[in-house]
Amino acid sequence: MNTMEIKDKEIYATNVGKNIKKYRKQRNITQIELANKLNVSNAWLCKLENGNRNTTIFRLSEIANVLNIKLIDLIE
């Protein structure tokens, strides 16, 4: 994997995380509440929101469902 591919993945992860946080806050859901609804740890969700963790499209779909948004809203 070259440096450009790594940077692209980092930017993608950061944008997805920011979108999760934005929609979560718009719905007045705490990190702990969202983590509980997803059956993940708060630490896992924190890392995801901060762009320090990747996840599967399946998990992103679950997050979108809990936040009552479209999957595309998280990845744009």
N, C-alpha and C. Protein backbone atom coordinates (compact mmCIF):
# COMPACT_ATOMS: atom_id res chain seq x y z
N MET A 1 0.85 -1.17 0.00
CA MET A 1 0.00 0.00 0.00
C MET A 1 0.90 1.24 0.00
N ASN A 2 0.61 2.16 -0.91
CA ASN A 2 1.45 3.35 -0.97
C ASN A 2 0.93 4.44 -0.03
N THR A 3 1.71 5.48 0.10
CA THR A 3 1.40 6.56 1.03
C THR A 3 0.07 7.24 0.70
N MET A 4 -0.21 7.40 -0.58
CA MET A 4 -1.46 8.05 -1.00
C MET A 4 -2.67 7.21 -0.58
N GLU A 5 -2.60 5.90 -0.73
CA GLU A 5 -3.70 5.02 -0.34
C GLU A 5 -3.94 5.10 1.18
N ILE A 6 -2.86 5.16 1.93
CA ILE A 6 -2.98 5.27 3.39
C ILE A 6 -3.65 6.59 3.76
N LYS A 7 -3.22 7.69 3.14
CA LYS A 7 -3.81 9.00 3.42
C LYS A 7 -5.29 9.02 3.07
N ASP A 8 -5.67 8.42 1.92
CA ASP A 8 -7.07 8.37 1.51
C ASP A 8 -7.90 7.62 2.55
N LYS A 9 -7.40 6.52 3.07
CA LYS A 9 -8.12 5.75 4.08
C LYS A 9 -8.26 6.54 5.37
N GLU A 10 -7.22 7.28 5.73
CA GLU A 10 -7.27 8.09 6.95
C GLU A 10 -8.31 9.20 6.81
N ILE A 11 -8.35 9.83 5.65
CA ILE A 11 -9.33 10.90 5.41
C ILE A 11 -10.73 10.32 5.44
N TYR A 12 -10.92 9.17 4.80
CA TYR A 12 -12.23 8.52 4.79
C TYR A 12 -12.68 8.19 6.21
N ALA A 13 -11.81 7.59 6.99
CA ALA A 13 -12.15 7.22 8.36
C ALA A 13 -12.50 8.46 9.18
N THR A 14 -11.76 9.53 9.00
CA THR A 14 -12.02 10.76 9.74
C THR A 14 -13.37 11.35 9.35
N ASN A 15 -13.69 11.36 8.05
CA ASN A 15 -14.96 11.91 7.60
C ASN A 15 -16.14 11.09 8.10
N VAL A 16 -16.03 9.78 8.05
CA VAL A 16 -17.09 8.91 8.54
C VAL A 16 -17.30 9.16 10.03
N GLY A 17 -16.22 9.22 10.77
CA GLY A 17 -16.31 9.46 12.21
C GLY A 17 -16.97 10.79 12.53
N LYS A 18 -16.60 11.83 11.79
CA LYS A 18 -17.20 13.15 12.01
C LYS A 18 -18.69 13.12 11.71
N ASN A 19 -19.07 12.39 10.68
CA ASN A 19 -20.49 12.30 10.34
C ASN A 19 -21.27 11.54 11.41
N ILE A 20 -20.70 10.47 11.93
CA ILE A 20 -21.37 9.74 13.01
C ILE A 20 -21.59 10.67 14.20
N LYS A 21 -20.55 11.38 14.58
CA LYS A 21 -20.64 12.29 15.72
C LYS A 21 -21.67 13.39 15.46
N LYS A 22 -21.67 13.95 14.26
CA LYS A 22 -22.60 15.03 13.92
C LYS A 22 -24.05 14.56 14.05
N TYR A 23 -24.38 13.43 13.44
CA TYR A 23 -25.75 12.93 13.49
C TYR A 23 -26.14 12.46 14.90
N ARG A 24 -25.18 11.89 15.61
CA ARG A 24 -25.45 11.46 16.98
C ARG A 24 -25.81 12.66 17.85
N LYS A 25 -25.04 13.73 17.72
CA LYS A 25 -25.29 14.94 18.52
C LYS A 25 -26.59 15.63 18.11
N GLN A 26 -26.89 15.63 16.80
CA GLN A 26 -28.14 16.23 16.33
C GLN A 26 -29.35 15.54 16.96
N ARG A 27 -29.19 14.27 17.26
CA ARG A 27 -30.28 13.49 17.84
C ARG A 27 -30.21 13.41 19.37
N ASN A 28 -29.29 14.19 19.93
CA ASN A 28 -29.11 14.23 21.39
C ASN A 28 -28.91 12.84 21.99
N ILE A 29 -28.08 12.05 21.31
CA ILE A 29 -27.71 10.72 21.80
C ILE A 29 -26.27 10.79 22.28
N THR A 30 -26.02 10.31 23.48
CA THR A 30 -24.65 10.29 23.98
C THR A 30 -23.87 9.15 23.34
N GLN A 31 -22.56 9.23 23.43
CA GLN A 31 -21.71 8.14 22.93
C GLN A 31 -22.06 6.83 23.63
N ILE A 32 -22.27 6.91 24.92
CA ILE A 32 -22.59 5.70 25.69
C ILE A 32 -23.91 5.10 25.23
N GLU A 33 -24.91 5.95 25.01
CA GLU A 33 -26.20 5.45 24.54
C GLU A 33 -26.09 4.77 23.19
N LEU A 34 -25.37 5.41 22.26
CA LEU A 34 -25.20 4.82 20.93
C LEU A 34 -24.41 3.52 21.02
N ALA A 35 -23.35 3.53 21.79
CA ALA A 35 -22.55 2.31 21.96
C ALA A 35 -23.41 1.17 22.50
N ASN A 36 -24.25 1.46 23.48
CA ASN A 36 -25.13 0.44 24.05
C ASN A 36 -26.11 -0.10 23.01
N LYS A 37 -26.67 0.78 22.20
CA LYS A 37 -27.61 0.36 21.16
C LYS A 37 -26.94 -0.52 20.10
N LEU A 38 -25.64 -0.30 19.91
CA LEU A 38 -24.88 -1.07 18.91
C LEU A 38 -24.18 -2.29 19.51
N ASN A 39 -24.27 -2.43 20.83
CA ASN A 39 -23.57 -3.51 21.54
C ASN A 39 -22.06 -3.48 21.31
N VAL A 40 -21.51 -2.27 21.40
CA VAL A 40 -20.06 -2.08 21.30
C VAL A 40 -19.63 -1.27 22.52
N SER A 41 -18.34 -1.22 22.77
CA SER A 41 -17.85 -0.42 23.89
C SER A 41 -17.83 1.06 23.53
N ASN A 42 -17.91 1.88 24.55
CA ASN A 42 -17.80 3.32 24.35
C ASN A 42 -16.42 3.66 23.76
N ALA A 43 -15.40 2.96 24.18
CA ALA A 43 -14.04 3.20 23.66
C ALA A 43 -13.98 2.92 22.16
N TRP A 44 -14.64 1.85 21.73
CA TRP A 44 -14.67 1.50 20.30
C TRP A 44 -15.33 2.62 19.51
N LEU A 45 -16.48 3.09 19.99
CA LEU A 45 -17.21 4.16 19.30
C LEU A 45 -16.41 5.45 19.30
N CYS A 46 -15.76 5.76 20.40
CA CYS A 46 -14.93 6.96 20.48
C CYS A 46 -13.82 6.93 19.43
N LYS A 47 -13.16 5.79 19.30
CA LYS A 47 -12.10 5.65 18.29
C LYS A 47 -12.66 5.80 16.89
N LEU A 48 -13.84 5.24 16.65
CA LEU A 48 -14.48 5.36 15.33
C LEU A 48 -14.81 6.81 15.03
N GLU A 49 -15.41 7.50 15.98
CA GLU A 49 -15.77 8.91 15.77
C GLU A 49 -14.55 9.80 15.56
N ASN A 50 -13.44 9.44 16.16
CA ASN A 50 -12.21 10.23 16.02
C ASN A 50 -11.37 9.83 14.82
N GLY A 51 -11.85 8.88 14.04
CA GLY A 51 -11.12 8.47 12.84
C GLY A 51 -9.95 7.55 13.10
N ASN A 52 -9.91 6.96 14.29
CA ASN A 52 -8.79 6.09 14.66
C ASN A 52 -9.13 4.62 14.52
N ARG A 53 -10.28 4.33 13.93
CA ARG A 53 -10.71 2.94 13.79
C ARG A 53 -11.55 2.83 12.53
N ASN A 54 -11.39 1.74 11.82
CA ASN A 54 -12.23 1.42 10.67
C ASN A 54 -13.28 0.42 11.09
N THR A 55 -14.31 0.31 10.29
CA THR A 55 -15.35 -0.67 10.56
C THR A 55 -15.91 -1.19 9.25
N THR A 56 -16.81 -2.12 9.35
CA THR A 56 -17.39 -2.74 8.15
C THR A 56 -18.60 -1.93 7.66
N ILE A 57 -18.96 -2.17 6.42
CA ILE A 57 -20.14 -1.53 5.86
C ILE A 57 -21.39 -2.01 6.60
N PHE A 58 -21.37 -3.25 7.06
CA PHE A 58 -22.48 -3.78 7.84
C PHE A 58 -22.66 -2.98 9.13
N ARG A 59 -21.58 -2.71 9.82
CA ARG A 59 -21.65 -1.94 11.07
C ARG A 59 -22.09 -0.51 10.79
N LEU A 60 -21.61 0.09 9.70
CA LEU A 60 -22.04 1.44 9.34
C LEU A 60 -23.54 1.47 9.06
N SER A 61 -24.04 0.42 8.44
CA SER A 61 -25.47 0.31 8.18
C SER A 61 -26.26 0.25 9.50
N GLU A 62 -25.74 -0.49 10.47
CA GLU A 62 -26.38 -0.55 11.79
C GLU A 62 -26.41 0.83 12.44
N ILE A 63 -25.29 1.54 12.35
CA ILE A 63 -25.21 2.88 12.93
C ILE A 63 -26.22 3.80 12.27
N ALA A 64 -26.29 3.75 10.94
CA ALA A 64 -27.25 4.57 10.20
C ALA A 64 -28.69 4.26 10.63
N ASN A 65 -28.99 2.99 10.81
CA ASN A 65 -30.34 2.60 11.24
C ASN A 65 -30.66 3.16 12.62
N VAL A 66 -29.72 3.05 13.55
CA VAL A 66 -29.95 3.56 14.91
C VAL A 66 -30.13 5.08 14.88
N LEU A 67 -29.37 5.75 14.02
CA LEU A 67 -29.46 7.21 13.94
C LEU A 67 -30.61 7.68 13.03
N ASN A 68 -31.29 6.71 12.41
CA ASN A 68 -32.41 7.00 11.53
C ASN A 68 -32.00 7.89 10.35
N ILE A 69 -30.90 7.51 9.73
CA ILE A 69 -30.40 8.21 8.54
C ILE A 69 -30.06 7.17 7.48
N LYS A 70 -29.74 7.64 6.30
CA LYS A 70 -29.33 6.75 5.21
C LYS A 70 -27.84 6.48 5.36
N LEU A 71 -27.44 5.30 4.95
CA LEU A 71 -26.02 4.92 4.99
C LEU A 71 -25.15 5.94 4.26
N ILE A 72 -25.62 6.41 3.14
CA ILE A 72 -24.86 7.37 2.33
C ILE A 72 -24.55 8.64 3.12
N ASP A 73 -25.41 8.99 4.07
CA ASP A 73 -25.16 10.19 4.90
C ASP A 73 -23.89 10.05 5.73
N LEU A 74 -23.55 8.83 6.08
CA LEU A 74 -22.33 8.60 6.89
C LEU A 74 -21.08 8.63 6.04
N ILE A 75 -21.19 8.21 4.79
CA ILE A 75 -19.97 8.03 4.00
C ILE A 75 -19.68 9.15 3.02
N GLU A 76 -20.61 10.11 2.92
CA GLU A 76 -20.35 11.26 2.03
C GLU A 76 -19.50 12.30 2.71
